């Protein structure tokens, strides 16, 4: 869901000091964790699709003024997946693993006949609170007839706290963060237990929702 490595600076005091690894160390760790995840599931699945979306912290040298060195889609989040794809293509051990990457900020994947949409959540415009921002953005995607607007299930990151909302046959899942922001908690008092969103999908929809 993005934000795999920290490429931002200047958003709050001492931000670089709060990042314990430099960029090359972060990138090395991110790739090892992605491959560790694939290797963990490899013995148990007949097919694995590795996918992801770009996020704001993956933007190349994004400053507190919202400026980036190249473009917002020149992003380390998708770069890590591309490198892992190149690694796995050289090893027949990973023949049942495919990598599906977006051409833009959002992505859709067909899972058991359902369209599942993924976006980090930082490209919203307007709306109040996480729910209002995402719903306004999603409705705009529907009105504009974009692929993610057709999704029966939408998964987002960015807002740190786990949430779930149902509207008719559509469901929005908001992922929790897997790390804590001391600065964010100090300023707002808000915090969330780290975790990973998991659930299953079949032809009838989603099930087995759990934060682990």
N, C-alpha and C. Protein backbone atom coordinates (compact mmCIF):
# COMPACT_ATOMS: atom_id res chain seq x y z
N UNK A 1 0.80 -1.21 0.00
CA UNK A 1 0.00 0.00 0.00
C UNK A 1 0.84 1.27 0.00
N UNK A 2 2.16 1.13 -0.18
CA UNK A 2 3.02 2.30 -0.27
C UNK A 2 3.68 2.67 1.04
N UNK A 3 4.45 3.76 1.00
CA UNK A 3 5.21 4.25 2.16
C UNK A 3 6.16 3.17 2.68
N UNK A 4 6.80 2.46 1.77
CA UNK A 4 7.73 1.41 2.18
C UNK A 4 9.04 2.01 2.69
N UNK A 5 9.43 3.13 2.10
CA UNK A 5 10.66 3.79 2.51
C UNK A 5 10.41 5.30 2.58
N UNK A 6 11.24 6.00 3.33
CA UNK A 6 11.04 7.42 3.62
C UNK A 6 11.87 8.29 2.69
N UNK A 7 11.17 9.00 1.79
CA UNK A 7 11.86 9.89 0.88
C UNK A 7 11.51 11.35 1.09
N UNK A 8 10.82 11.66 2.20
CA UNK A 8 10.36 13.02 2.47
C UNK A 8 11.26 13.73 3.48
N UNK A 9 11.25 15.03 3.40
CA UNK A 9 11.97 15.83 4.40
C UNK A 9 11.29 17.19 4.52
N UNK A 10 11.46 17.82 5.69
CA UNK A 10 10.97 19.18 5.86
C UNK A 10 9.51 19.30 6.25
N UNK A 11 8.86 18.20 6.62
CA UNK A 11 7.46 18.27 7.02
C UNK A 11 7.30 18.60 8.51
N UNK A 12 8.27 18.18 9.28
CA UNK A 12 8.25 18.53 10.70
C UNK A 12 9.69 18.58 11.21
N UNK A 13 9.87 19.19 12.36
CA UNK A 13 11.21 19.37 12.91
C UNK A 13 11.92 18.04 13.08
N UNK A 14 13.19 18.03 12.77
CA UNK A 14 14.10 16.89 12.97
C UNK A 14 13.64 15.63 12.27
N UNK A 15 12.89 15.77 11.18
CA UNK A 15 12.41 14.57 10.47
C UNK A 15 13.55 13.64 10.03
N UNK A 16 14.62 14.16 9.40
CA UNK A 16 15.70 13.23 9.01
C UNK A 16 16.30 12.49 10.20
N UNK A 17 16.38 13.16 11.36
CA UNK A 17 16.95 12.53 12.55
C UNK A 17 16.10 11.36 13.03
N UNK A 18 14.79 11.42 12.78
CA UNK A 18 13.89 10.37 13.24
C UNK A 18 13.91 9.13 12.35
N UNK A 19 14.58 9.19 11.21
CA UNK A 19 14.70 8.04 10.32
C UNK A 19 16.01 7.33 10.65
N UNK A 20 15.93 6.11 11.12
CA UNK A 20 17.11 5.43 11.67
C UNK A 20 18.03 4.86 10.59
N UNK A 21 17.55 4.70 9.36
CA UNK A 21 18.37 4.14 8.28
C UNK A 21 18.50 5.15 7.15
N UNK A 22 19.66 5.15 6.48
CA UNK A 22 19.77 6.01 5.31
C UNK A 22 19.04 5.36 4.13
N UNK A 23 19.00 6.04 2.99
CA UNK A 23 18.18 5.56 1.88
C UNK A 23 18.63 4.20 1.35
N UNK A 24 19.93 4.01 1.17
CA UNK A 24 20.39 2.72 0.64
C UNK A 24 20.06 1.59 1.61
N UNK A 25 20.17 1.86 2.92
CA UNK A 25 19.82 0.85 3.93
C UNK A 25 18.32 0.58 3.92
N UNK A 26 17.53 1.63 3.79
CA UNK A 26 16.08 1.46 3.71
C UNK A 26 15.70 0.63 2.49
N UNK A 27 16.29 0.96 1.35
CA UNK A 27 15.95 0.24 0.13
C UNK A 27 16.33 -1.23 0.22
N UNK A 28 17.49 -1.50 0.80
CA UNK A 28 17.94 -2.89 0.97
C UNK A 28 16.97 -3.65 1.87
N UNK A 29 16.57 -3.04 2.98
CA UNK A 29 15.64 -3.69 3.91
C UNK A 29 14.27 -3.91 3.27
N UNK A 30 13.78 -2.93 2.52
CA UNK A 30 12.47 -3.06 1.88
C UNK A 30 12.45 -4.25 0.93
N UNK A 31 13.50 -4.39 0.11
CA UNK A 31 13.55 -5.51 -0.82
C UNK A 31 13.62 -6.84 -0.09
N UNK A 32 14.39 -6.90 0.99
CA UNK A 32 14.50 -8.14 1.76
C UNK A 32 13.15 -8.52 2.37
N UNK A 33 12.41 -7.53 2.85
CA UNK A 33 11.11 -7.81 3.47
C UNK A 33 10.09 -8.25 2.43
N UNK A 34 10.13 -7.65 1.24
CA UNK A 34 9.22 -8.07 0.17
C UNK A 34 9.52 -9.52 -0.22
N UNK A 35 10.78 -9.85 -0.41
CA UNK A 35 11.15 -11.21 -0.79
C UNK A 35 10.85 -12.19 0.33
N UNK A 36 11.02 -11.76 1.58
CA UNK A 36 10.68 -12.62 2.71
C UNK A 36 9.19 -12.93 2.72
N UNK A 37 8.37 -11.95 2.40
CA UNK A 37 6.92 -12.17 2.34
C UNK A 37 6.58 -13.17 1.25
N UNK A 38 7.15 -13.00 0.06
CA UNK A 38 6.90 -13.93 -1.03
C UNK A 38 7.36 -15.34 -0.65
N UNK A 39 8.55 -15.45 -0.09
CA UNK A 39 9.08 -16.76 0.28
C UNK A 39 8.24 -17.44 1.35
N UNK A 40 7.63 -16.64 2.23
CA UNK A 40 6.78 -17.21 3.29
C UNK A 40 5.54 -17.87 2.71
N UNK A 41 4.93 -17.24 1.71
CA UNK A 41 3.70 -17.78 1.13
C UNK A 41 3.96 -18.79 0.02
N UNK A 42 5.17 -18.84 -0.49
CA UNK A 42 5.48 -19.66 -1.66
C UNK A 42 5.09 -21.14 -1.51
N UNK A 43 5.33 -21.78 -0.35
CA UNK A 43 4.98 -23.20 -0.25
C UNK A 43 3.48 -23.46 -0.14
N UNK A 44 2.68 -22.41 0.11
CA UNK A 44 1.27 -22.62 0.43
C UNK A 44 0.30 -22.17 -0.66
N UNK A 45 0.81 -21.58 -1.73
CA UNK A 45 -0.07 -21.03 -2.75
C UNK A 45 0.29 -21.57 -4.12
N UNK A 46 -0.74 -21.77 -4.95
CA UNK A 46 -0.51 -22.20 -6.32
C UNK A 46 -0.19 -21.01 -7.22
N UNK A 47 -0.59 -19.83 -6.78
CA UNK A 47 -0.38 -18.62 -7.57
C UNK A 47 -0.24 -17.44 -6.60
N UNK A 48 0.76 -16.61 -6.84
CA UNK A 48 0.96 -15.42 -6.02
C UNK A 48 1.06 -14.22 -6.95
N UNK A 49 0.31 -13.17 -6.65
CA UNK A 49 0.39 -11.91 -7.38
C UNK A 49 0.92 -10.85 -6.43
N UNK A 50 2.10 -10.34 -6.73
CA UNK A 50 2.71 -9.28 -5.93
C UNK A 50 2.36 -7.94 -6.57
N UNK A 51 1.76 -7.06 -5.80
CA UNK A 51 1.30 -5.80 -6.35
C UNK A 51 1.50 -4.68 -5.35
N UNK A 52 1.35 -3.45 -5.80
CA UNK A 52 1.49 -2.31 -4.91
C UNK A 52 1.19 -1.02 -5.65
N UNK A 53 1.15 0.07 -4.91
CA UNK A 53 0.86 1.38 -5.48
C UNK A 53 1.86 2.41 -4.96
N UNK A 54 2.07 3.50 -5.70
CA UNK A 54 2.95 4.56 -5.22
C UNK A 54 2.28 5.38 -4.12
N UNK A 55 3.11 5.93 -3.23
CA UNK A 55 2.59 6.71 -2.11
C UNK A 55 3.41 7.98 -1.93
N UNK A 56 2.96 8.84 -1.04
CA UNK A 56 3.63 10.14 -0.90
C UNK A 56 5.03 10.03 -0.31
N UNK A 57 5.27 9.12 0.63
CA UNK A 57 6.60 9.02 1.21
C UNK A 57 7.59 8.32 0.28
N UNK A 58 7.09 7.70 -0.77
CA UNK A 58 7.96 7.08 -1.75
C UNK A 58 8.39 8.03 -2.86
N UNK A 59 7.81 9.23 -2.87
CA UNK A 59 8.19 10.21 -3.89
C UNK A 59 9.64 10.62 -3.69
N UNK A 60 10.35 10.80 -4.79
CA UNK A 60 11.78 11.04 -4.73
C UNK A 60 12.09 12.43 -4.18
N UNK A 61 12.65 12.46 -2.96
CA UNK A 61 13.09 13.71 -2.32
C UNK A 61 11.95 14.74 -2.29
N UNK A 62 10.82 14.35 -1.72
CA UNK A 62 9.67 15.25 -1.61
C UNK A 62 9.86 16.17 -0.40
N UNK A 63 9.78 17.46 -0.64
CA UNK A 63 10.03 18.43 0.43
C UNK A 63 8.74 18.80 1.14
N UNK A 64 8.88 19.50 2.26
CA UNK A 64 7.72 19.96 3.00
C UNK A 64 6.85 20.93 2.23
N UNK A 65 7.36 21.48 1.15
CA UNK A 65 6.57 22.37 0.29
C UNK A 65 5.84 21.60 -0.80
N UNK A 66 5.91 20.29 -0.75
CA UNK A 66 5.21 19.45 -1.72
C UNK A 66 5.93 19.32 -3.04
N UNK A 67 7.18 19.75 -3.10
CA UNK A 67 7.95 19.68 -4.34
C UNK A 67 8.68 18.35 -4.42
N UNK A 68 8.82 17.83 -5.65
CA UNK A 68 9.57 16.60 -5.88
C UNK A 68 10.66 16.87 -6.91
N UNK A 69 11.73 16.06 -6.85
CA UNK A 69 12.87 16.27 -7.74
C UNK A 69 12.51 15.91 -9.18
N UNK A 70 11.76 14.85 -9.39
CA UNK A 70 11.40 14.43 -10.75
C UNK A 70 9.88 14.52 -10.93
N UNK A 71 9.18 13.40 -10.84
CA UNK A 71 7.72 13.41 -10.92
C UNK A 71 7.17 12.58 -9.77
N UNK A 72 5.91 12.74 -9.46
CA UNK A 72 5.31 12.04 -8.33
C UNK A 72 5.19 10.54 -8.58
N UNK A 73 5.25 10.13 -9.85
CA UNK A 73 5.20 8.70 -10.17
C UNK A 73 6.59 8.08 -10.27
N UNK A 74 7.63 8.90 -10.13
CA UNK A 74 8.99 8.38 -9.99
C UNK A 74 9.13 8.00 -8.52
N UNK A 75 8.73 6.78 -8.19
CA UNK A 75 8.39 6.46 -6.82
C UNK A 75 9.12 5.20 -6.34
N UNK A 76 9.71 5.27 -5.15
CA UNK A 76 10.46 4.12 -4.64
C UNK A 76 9.56 2.94 -4.29
N UNK A 77 8.29 3.20 -3.97
CA UNK A 77 7.39 2.09 -3.62
C UNK A 77 7.25 1.10 -4.78
N UNK A 78 7.00 1.61 -5.97
CA UNK A 78 6.88 0.72 -7.13
C UNK A 78 8.26 0.27 -7.61
N UNK A 79 9.29 1.10 -7.40
CA UNK A 79 10.65 0.71 -7.77
C UNK A 79 11.08 -0.57 -7.06
N UNK A 80 10.79 -0.68 -5.76
CA UNK A 80 11.17 -1.88 -5.01
C UNK A 80 10.52 -3.12 -5.61
N UNK A 81 9.25 -3.00 -6.01
CA UNK A 81 8.56 -4.14 -6.60
C UNK A 81 9.14 -4.50 -7.96
N UNK A 82 9.53 -3.49 -8.74
CA UNK A 82 10.15 -3.75 -10.03
C UNK A 82 11.47 -4.50 -9.88
N UNK A 83 12.26 -4.10 -8.90
CA UNK A 83 13.54 -4.77 -8.67
C UNK A 83 13.32 -6.21 -8.22
N UNK A 84 12.35 -6.41 -7.33
CA UNK A 84 12.04 -7.78 -6.89
C UNK A 84 11.54 -8.61 -8.06
N UNK A 85 10.79 -8.00 -8.97
CA UNK A 85 10.34 -8.70 -10.16
C UNK A 85 11.53 -9.15 -11.00
N UNK A 86 12.50 -8.27 -11.20
CA UNK A 86 13.68 -8.61 -11.98
C UNK A 86 14.46 -9.76 -11.32
N UNK A 87 14.51 -9.75 -9.99
CA UNK A 87 15.20 -10.82 -9.26
C UNK A 87 14.49 -12.16 -9.48
N UNK A 88 13.17 -12.15 -9.33
CA UNK A 88 12.42 -13.41 -9.41
C UNK A 88 12.36 -13.96 -10.82
N UNK A 89 12.40 -13.09 -11.83
CA UNK A 89 12.37 -13.57 -13.22
C UNK A 89 13.61 -14.38 -13.56
N UNK A 90 14.68 -14.24 -12.79
CA UNK A 90 15.92 -14.98 -13.05
C UNK A 90 15.98 -16.32 -12.32
N UNK A 91 14.94 -16.64 -11.54
CA UNK A 91 14.98 -17.84 -10.71
C UNK A 91 13.69 -18.65 -10.90
N UNK A 92 13.76 -19.86 -11.43
CA UNK A 92 12.55 -20.67 -11.66
C UNK A 92 11.79 -21.00 -10.38
N UNK A 93 12.43 -20.82 -9.24
CA UNK A 93 11.74 -21.03 -7.96
C UNK A 93 10.48 -20.16 -7.86
N UNK A 94 10.49 -19.01 -8.58
CA UNK A 94 9.39 -18.06 -8.46
C UNK A 94 8.47 -18.07 -9.68
N UNK A 95 8.42 -19.21 -10.39
CA UNK A 95 7.61 -19.29 -11.61
C UNK A 95 6.13 -19.01 -11.36
N UNK A 96 5.64 -19.31 -10.17
CA UNK A 96 4.21 -19.10 -9.90
C UNK A 96 3.92 -17.71 -9.32
N UNK A 97 4.94 -16.84 -9.31
CA UNK A 97 4.77 -15.48 -8.81
C UNK A 97 4.73 -14.51 -9.99
N UNK A 98 3.71 -13.66 -10.04
CA UNK A 98 3.66 -12.59 -11.03
C UNK A 98 3.59 -11.25 -10.31
N UNK A 99 4.03 -10.21 -10.97
CA UNK A 99 4.03 -8.87 -10.39
C UNK A 99 3.10 -7.99 -11.22
N UNK A 100 2.17 -7.34 -10.55
CA UNK A 100 1.19 -6.48 -11.22
C UNK A 100 1.35 -5.06 -10.68
N UNK A 101 1.77 -4.15 -11.55
CA UNK A 101 2.05 -2.78 -11.13
C UNK A 101 1.16 -1.78 -11.88
N UNK A 102 0.80 -0.70 -11.24
CA UNK A 102 -0.06 0.30 -11.88
C UNK A 102 0.72 1.17 -12.86
N UNK A 103 0.01 1.76 -13.81
CA UNK A 103 0.61 2.73 -14.70
C UNK A 103 0.48 4.14 -14.12
N UNK A 104 -0.39 4.31 -13.13
CA UNK A 104 -0.61 5.60 -12.50
C UNK A 104 -0.61 5.48 -10.99
N UNK A 105 -1.43 6.28 -10.33
CA UNK A 105 -1.47 6.29 -8.87
C UNK A 105 -2.36 5.19 -8.30
N UNK A 106 -3.28 4.68 -9.11
CA UNK A 106 -4.27 3.72 -8.63
C UNK A 106 -4.15 2.42 -9.41
N UNK A 107 -4.71 1.34 -8.86
CA UNK A 107 -4.57 0.04 -9.50
C UNK A 107 -5.81 -0.79 -9.22
N UNK A 108 -6.16 -1.64 -10.16
CA UNK A 108 -7.24 -2.61 -9.95
C UNK A 108 -6.75 -4.00 -10.29
N UNK A 109 -7.25 -4.97 -9.54
CA UNK A 109 -6.91 -6.38 -9.76
C UNK A 109 -8.20 -7.19 -9.70
N UNK A 110 -8.38 -8.11 -10.63
CA UNK A 110 -9.53 -9.01 -10.60
C UNK A 110 -9.21 -10.18 -9.67
N UNK A 111 -10.01 -10.34 -8.63
CA UNK A 111 -9.84 -11.43 -7.68
C UNK A 111 -11.17 -12.18 -7.57
N UNK A 112 -11.17 -13.40 -8.02
CA UNK A 112 -12.36 -14.25 -7.98
C UNK A 112 -13.57 -13.58 -8.62
N UNK A 113 -13.33 -12.84 -9.70
CA UNK A 113 -14.42 -12.20 -10.42
C UNK A 113 -14.83 -10.85 -9.88
N UNK A 114 -14.21 -10.39 -8.81
CA UNK A 114 -14.50 -9.08 -8.24
C UNK A 114 -13.38 -8.10 -8.58
N UNK A 115 -13.74 -6.86 -8.84
CA UNK A 115 -12.75 -5.83 -9.09
C UNK A 115 -12.34 -5.22 -7.76
N UNK A 116 -11.05 -5.34 -7.42
CA UNK A 116 -10.51 -4.81 -6.18
C UNK A 116 -9.59 -3.64 -6.53
N UNK A 117 -9.87 -2.48 -5.95
CA UNK A 117 -9.11 -1.29 -6.22
C UNK A 117 -8.12 -0.99 -5.11
N UNK A 118 -6.97 -0.48 -5.50
CA UNK A 118 -5.93 -0.11 -4.54
C UNK A 118 -5.47 1.31 -4.84
N UNK A 119 -5.34 2.12 -3.82
CA UNK A 119 -4.70 3.42 -3.93
C UNK A 119 -4.17 3.78 -2.56
N UNK A 120 -3.06 4.50 -2.53
CA UNK A 120 -2.50 4.83 -1.21
C UNK A 120 -3.45 5.73 -0.43
N UNK A 121 -4.02 6.74 -1.10
CA UNK A 121 -4.97 7.62 -0.44
C UNK A 121 -4.54 9.07 -0.37
N UNK A 122 -3.35 9.37 -0.87
CA UNK A 122 -2.83 10.74 -0.78
C UNK A 122 -3.27 11.62 -1.94
N UNK A 123 -3.96 11.08 -2.92
CA UNK A 123 -4.37 11.86 -4.08
C UNK A 123 -5.82 12.33 -3.99
N UNK A 124 -6.38 12.35 -2.81
CA UNK A 124 -7.74 12.84 -2.62
C UNK A 124 -7.77 14.36 -2.77
N UNK A 125 -8.96 14.90 -2.96
CA UNK A 125 -9.14 16.35 -3.04
C UNK A 125 -10.46 16.72 -2.40
N UNK A 126 -10.40 17.49 -1.32
CA UNK A 126 -11.63 17.89 -0.64
C UNK A 126 -12.15 16.82 0.30
N UNK A 127 -13.30 17.06 0.88
CA UNK A 127 -13.88 16.14 1.84
C UNK A 127 -13.36 16.40 3.24
N UNK A 128 -14.10 15.95 4.23
CA UNK A 128 -13.74 16.17 5.63
C UNK A 128 -13.45 14.84 6.31
N UNK A 129 -12.29 14.71 6.93
CA UNK A 129 -11.91 13.48 7.60
C UNK A 129 -11.57 12.41 6.57
N UNK A 130 -10.91 11.33 7.01
CA UNK A 130 -10.52 10.26 6.07
C UNK A 130 -11.70 9.70 5.28
N UNK A 131 -12.82 9.42 5.97
CA UNK A 131 -13.97 8.85 5.27
C UNK A 131 -14.49 9.78 4.20
N UNK A 132 -14.65 11.07 4.56
CA UNK A 132 -15.17 12.04 3.59
C UNK A 132 -14.24 12.23 2.41
N UNK A 133 -12.94 12.26 2.68
CA UNK A 133 -11.96 12.46 1.61
C UNK A 133 -11.95 11.30 0.63
N UNK A 134 -11.93 10.06 1.17
CA UNK A 134 -11.88 8.89 0.30
C UNK A 134 -13.20 8.72 -0.46
N UNK A 135 -14.34 8.93 0.22
CA UNK A 135 -15.62 8.76 -0.47
C UNK A 135 -15.77 9.78 -1.59
N UNK A 136 -15.37 11.02 -1.37
CA UNK A 136 -15.46 12.05 -2.41
C UNK A 136 -14.56 11.68 -3.59
N UNK A 137 -13.35 11.22 -3.28
CA UNK A 137 -12.43 10.82 -4.34
C UNK A 137 -12.99 9.63 -5.12
N UNK A 138 -13.50 8.62 -4.42
CA UNK A 138 -14.00 7.40 -5.08
C UNK A 138 -15.21 7.73 -5.95
N UNK A 139 -16.09 8.58 -5.46
CA UNK A 139 -17.25 8.98 -6.26
C UNK A 139 -16.80 9.70 -7.53
N UNK A 140 -15.73 10.50 -7.43
CA UNK A 140 -15.19 11.16 -8.61
C UNK A 140 -14.64 10.17 -9.62
N UNK A 141 -14.02 9.10 -9.13
CA UNK A 141 -13.51 8.06 -10.03
C UNK A 141 -14.66 7.34 -10.73
N UNK A 142 -15.77 7.14 -10.02
CA UNK A 142 -16.95 6.54 -10.64
C UNK A 142 -17.53 7.46 -11.70
N UNK A 143 -17.68 8.75 -11.36
CA UNK A 143 -18.27 9.72 -12.27
C UNK A 143 -17.40 9.91 -13.51
N UNK A 144 -16.08 9.85 -13.33
CA UNK A 144 -15.16 9.98 -14.46
C UNK A 144 -14.99 8.71 -15.26
N UNK A 145 -15.63 7.62 -14.82
CA UNK A 145 -15.59 6.33 -15.51
C UNK A 145 -14.16 5.78 -15.58
N UNK A 146 -13.43 5.91 -14.46
CA UNK A 146 -12.09 5.35 -14.37
C UNK A 146 -12.15 3.96 -13.76
N UNK A 147 -11.15 3.09 -14.04
CA UNK A 147 -11.22 1.69 -13.61
C UNK A 147 -11.46 1.50 -12.12
N UNK A 148 -10.79 2.29 -11.26
CA UNK A 148 -10.95 2.08 -9.82
C UNK A 148 -12.37 2.46 -9.37
N UNK A 149 -13.07 3.24 -10.18
CA UNK A 149 -14.46 3.56 -9.87
C UNK A 149 -15.38 2.37 -9.99
N UNK A 150 -14.94 1.33 -10.69
CA UNK A 150 -15.74 0.11 -10.85
C UNK A 150 -15.51 -0.90 -9.73
N UNK A 151 -14.60 -0.60 -8.82
CA UNK A 151 -14.21 -1.58 -7.80
C UNK A 151 -15.36 -1.85 -6.82
N UNK A 152 -15.56 -3.14 -6.54
CA UNK A 152 -16.49 -3.51 -5.47
C UNK A 152 -15.82 -3.40 -4.11
N UNK A 153 -14.50 -3.55 -4.10
CA UNK A 153 -13.73 -3.44 -2.86
C UNK A 153 -12.60 -2.44 -3.11
N UNK A 154 -12.44 -1.48 -2.20
CA UNK A 154 -11.38 -0.49 -2.29
C UNK A 154 -10.50 -0.59 -1.05
N UNK A 155 -9.18 -0.59 -1.26
CA UNK A 155 -8.23 -0.67 -0.15
C UNK A 155 -7.31 0.55 -0.22
N UNK A 156 -7.17 1.24 0.91
CA UNK A 156 -6.32 2.43 0.97
C UNK A 156 -5.38 2.37 2.16
N UNK A 157 -4.35 3.19 2.12
CA UNK A 157 -3.43 3.37 3.23
C UNK A 157 -3.49 4.82 3.68
N UNK A 158 -2.37 5.43 3.96
CA UNK A 158 -2.19 6.87 4.19
C UNK A 158 -2.72 7.39 5.52
N UNK A 159 -3.91 6.94 5.93
CA UNK A 159 -4.55 7.52 7.10
C UNK A 159 -4.28 6.77 8.41
N UNK A 160 -3.44 5.73 8.35
CA UNK A 160 -2.85 5.09 9.53
C UNK A 160 -3.82 4.24 10.35
N UNK A 161 -5.04 4.70 10.59
CA UNK A 161 -5.96 3.99 11.47
C UNK A 161 -6.86 3.04 10.67
N UNK A 162 -7.05 1.79 11.15
CA UNK A 162 -7.93 0.86 10.42
C UNK A 162 -9.38 1.34 10.43
N UNK A 163 -10.01 1.26 9.28
CA UNK A 163 -11.42 1.63 9.14
C UNK A 163 -12.06 0.68 8.13
N UNK A 164 -13.39 0.58 8.20
CA UNK A 164 -14.12 -0.20 7.21
C UNK A 164 -15.49 0.42 7.05
N UNK A 165 -15.91 0.63 5.79
CA UNK A 165 -17.22 1.23 5.51
C UNK A 165 -17.86 0.46 4.37
N UNK A 166 -19.16 0.17 4.53
CA UNK A 166 -19.92 -0.50 3.48
C UNK A 166 -21.00 0.43 2.96
N UNK A 167 -21.16 0.44 1.64
CA UNK A 167 -22.24 1.19 0.99
C UNK A 167 -22.79 0.30 -0.11
N UNK A 168 -23.96 -0.28 0.13
CA UNK A 168 -24.52 -1.22 -0.83
C UNK A 168 -23.59 -2.41 -0.99
N UNK A 169 -23.21 -2.68 -2.22
CA UNK A 169 -22.33 -3.82 -2.50
C UNK A 169 -20.85 -3.45 -2.50
N UNK A 170 -20.55 -2.21 -2.15
CA UNK A 170 -19.16 -1.76 -2.14
C UNK A 170 -18.64 -1.67 -0.71
N UNK A 171 -17.34 -1.99 -0.55
CA UNK A 171 -16.70 -1.92 0.77
C UNK A 171 -15.37 -1.21 0.65
N UNK A 172 -15.13 -0.29 1.58
CA UNK A 172 -13.84 0.39 1.67
C UNK A 172 -13.10 -0.10 2.90
N UNK A 173 -11.87 -0.56 2.71
CA UNK A 173 -10.99 -0.95 3.80
C UNK A 173 -9.82 0.03 3.89
N UNK A 174 -9.61 0.55 5.07
CA UNK A 174 -8.46 1.41 5.35
C UNK A 174 -7.45 0.61 6.17
N UNK A 175 -6.22 0.52 5.66
CA UNK A 175 -5.18 -0.25 6.34
C UNK A 175 -4.63 0.50 7.56
N UNK A 176 -4.26 -0.22 8.60
CA UNK A 176 -3.52 0.41 9.69
C UNK A 176 -2.07 0.64 9.27
N UNK A 177 -1.36 1.42 10.04
CA UNK A 177 0.07 1.59 9.83
C UNK A 177 0.81 0.45 10.53
N UNK A 178 1.98 0.11 10.02
CA UNK A 178 2.78 -0.92 10.70
C UNK A 178 3.87 -0.28 11.55
N UNK A 179 3.82 1.04 11.66
CA UNK A 179 4.76 1.76 12.51
C UNK A 179 4.03 2.95 13.12
N UNK A 180 4.60 3.51 14.18
CA UNK A 180 3.97 4.62 14.88
C UNK A 180 4.70 5.92 14.55
N UNK A 181 3.95 7.02 14.53
CA UNK A 181 4.53 8.34 14.34
C UNK A 181 4.49 9.09 15.67
N UNK A 182 5.64 9.22 16.30
CA UNK A 182 5.71 9.91 17.58
C UNK A 182 5.30 11.37 17.41
N UNK A 183 5.74 12.00 16.33
CA UNK A 183 5.42 13.39 16.10
C UNK A 183 3.92 13.59 15.90
N UNK A 184 3.28 12.72 15.11
CA UNK A 184 1.85 12.82 14.87
C UNK A 184 1.06 12.67 16.16
N UNK A 185 1.46 11.71 16.99
CA UNK A 185 0.77 11.48 18.27
C UNK A 185 0.95 12.66 19.20
N UNK A 186 2.15 13.23 19.23
CA UNK A 186 2.40 14.37 20.11
C UNK A 186 1.55 15.57 19.71
N UNK A 187 1.31 15.76 18.41
CA UNK A 187 0.55 16.91 17.95
C UNK A 187 -0.95 16.71 18.05
N UNK A 188 -1.42 15.47 17.89
CA UNK A 188 -2.86 15.23 17.80
C UNK A 188 -3.42 14.37 18.94
N UNK A 189 -2.56 13.62 19.61
CA UNK A 189 -3.03 12.66 20.62
C UNK A 189 -3.53 11.37 20.01
N UNK A 190 -3.52 11.27 18.70
CA UNK A 190 -4.05 10.08 18.02
C UNK A 190 -2.94 9.06 17.79
N UNK A 191 -3.26 7.79 17.99
CA UNK A 191 -2.32 6.71 17.71
C UNK A 191 -3.12 5.45 17.43
N UNK A 192 -2.47 4.50 16.80
CA UNK A 192 -3.12 3.24 16.45
C UNK A 192 -2.14 2.11 16.64
N UNK A 193 -2.63 0.98 17.09
CA UNK A 193 -1.77 -0.19 17.23
C UNK A 193 -1.29 -0.63 15.84
N UNK A 194 0.00 -0.86 15.68
CA UNK A 194 0.51 -1.32 14.39
C UNK A 194 -0.12 -2.66 14.00
N UNK A 195 -0.33 -2.84 12.71
CA UNK A 195 -0.91 -4.10 12.25
C UNK A 195 -0.97 -4.18 10.74
N UNK A 196 -1.38 -5.33 10.25
CA UNK A 196 -1.51 -5.58 8.81
C UNK A 196 -2.93 -6.04 8.54
N UNK A 197 -3.57 -5.39 7.57
CA UNK A 197 -4.93 -5.75 7.18
C UNK A 197 -4.93 -7.06 6.41
N UNK A 198 -5.77 -8.01 6.79
CA UNK A 198 -5.91 -9.26 6.06
C UNK A 198 -7.39 -9.60 5.91
N UNK A 199 -7.75 -10.18 4.79
CA UNK A 199 -9.09 -10.74 4.60
C UNK A 199 -9.05 -11.64 3.37
N UNK A 200 -10.09 -12.44 3.20
CA UNK A 200 -10.18 -13.33 2.05
C UNK A 200 -11.28 -12.84 1.10
N UNK A 201 -11.19 -13.26 -0.16
CA UNK A 201 -12.18 -12.91 -1.16
C UNK A 201 -12.58 -14.16 -1.93
N UNK A 202 -13.89 -14.35 -2.11
CA UNK A 202 -14.38 -15.36 -3.04
C UNK A 202 -15.45 -14.71 -3.91
N UNK A 203 -16.15 -15.51 -4.70
CA UNK A 203 -17.12 -14.96 -5.65
C UNK A 203 -18.26 -14.22 -4.96
N UNK A 204 -18.48 -14.51 -3.68
CA UNK A 204 -19.58 -13.87 -2.95
C UNK A 204 -19.14 -12.60 -2.23
N UNK A 205 -17.85 -12.28 -2.27
CA UNK A 205 -17.38 -11.07 -1.60
C UNK A 205 -16.24 -11.36 -0.65
N UNK A 206 -16.06 -10.47 0.33
CA UNK A 206 -14.96 -10.60 1.27
C UNK A 206 -15.41 -11.31 2.55
N UNK A 207 -14.42 -11.86 3.27
CA UNK A 207 -14.71 -12.56 4.53
C UNK A 207 -13.41 -12.60 5.34
N UNK A 208 -13.50 -13.05 6.59
CA UNK A 208 -12.36 -13.29 7.46
C UNK A 208 -11.49 -12.05 7.67
N UNK A 209 -12.17 -10.91 7.83
CA UNK A 209 -11.47 -9.64 8.10
C UNK A 209 -10.74 -9.73 9.44
N UNK A 210 -9.44 -9.39 9.41
CA UNK A 210 -8.65 -9.44 10.64
C UNK A 210 -7.42 -8.55 10.52
N UNK A 211 -7.10 -7.85 11.59
CA UNK A 211 -5.86 -7.09 11.67
C UNK A 211 -4.88 -7.94 12.46
N UNK A 212 -3.73 -8.27 11.86
CA UNK A 212 -2.74 -9.12 12.52
C UNK A 212 -1.46 -8.35 12.75
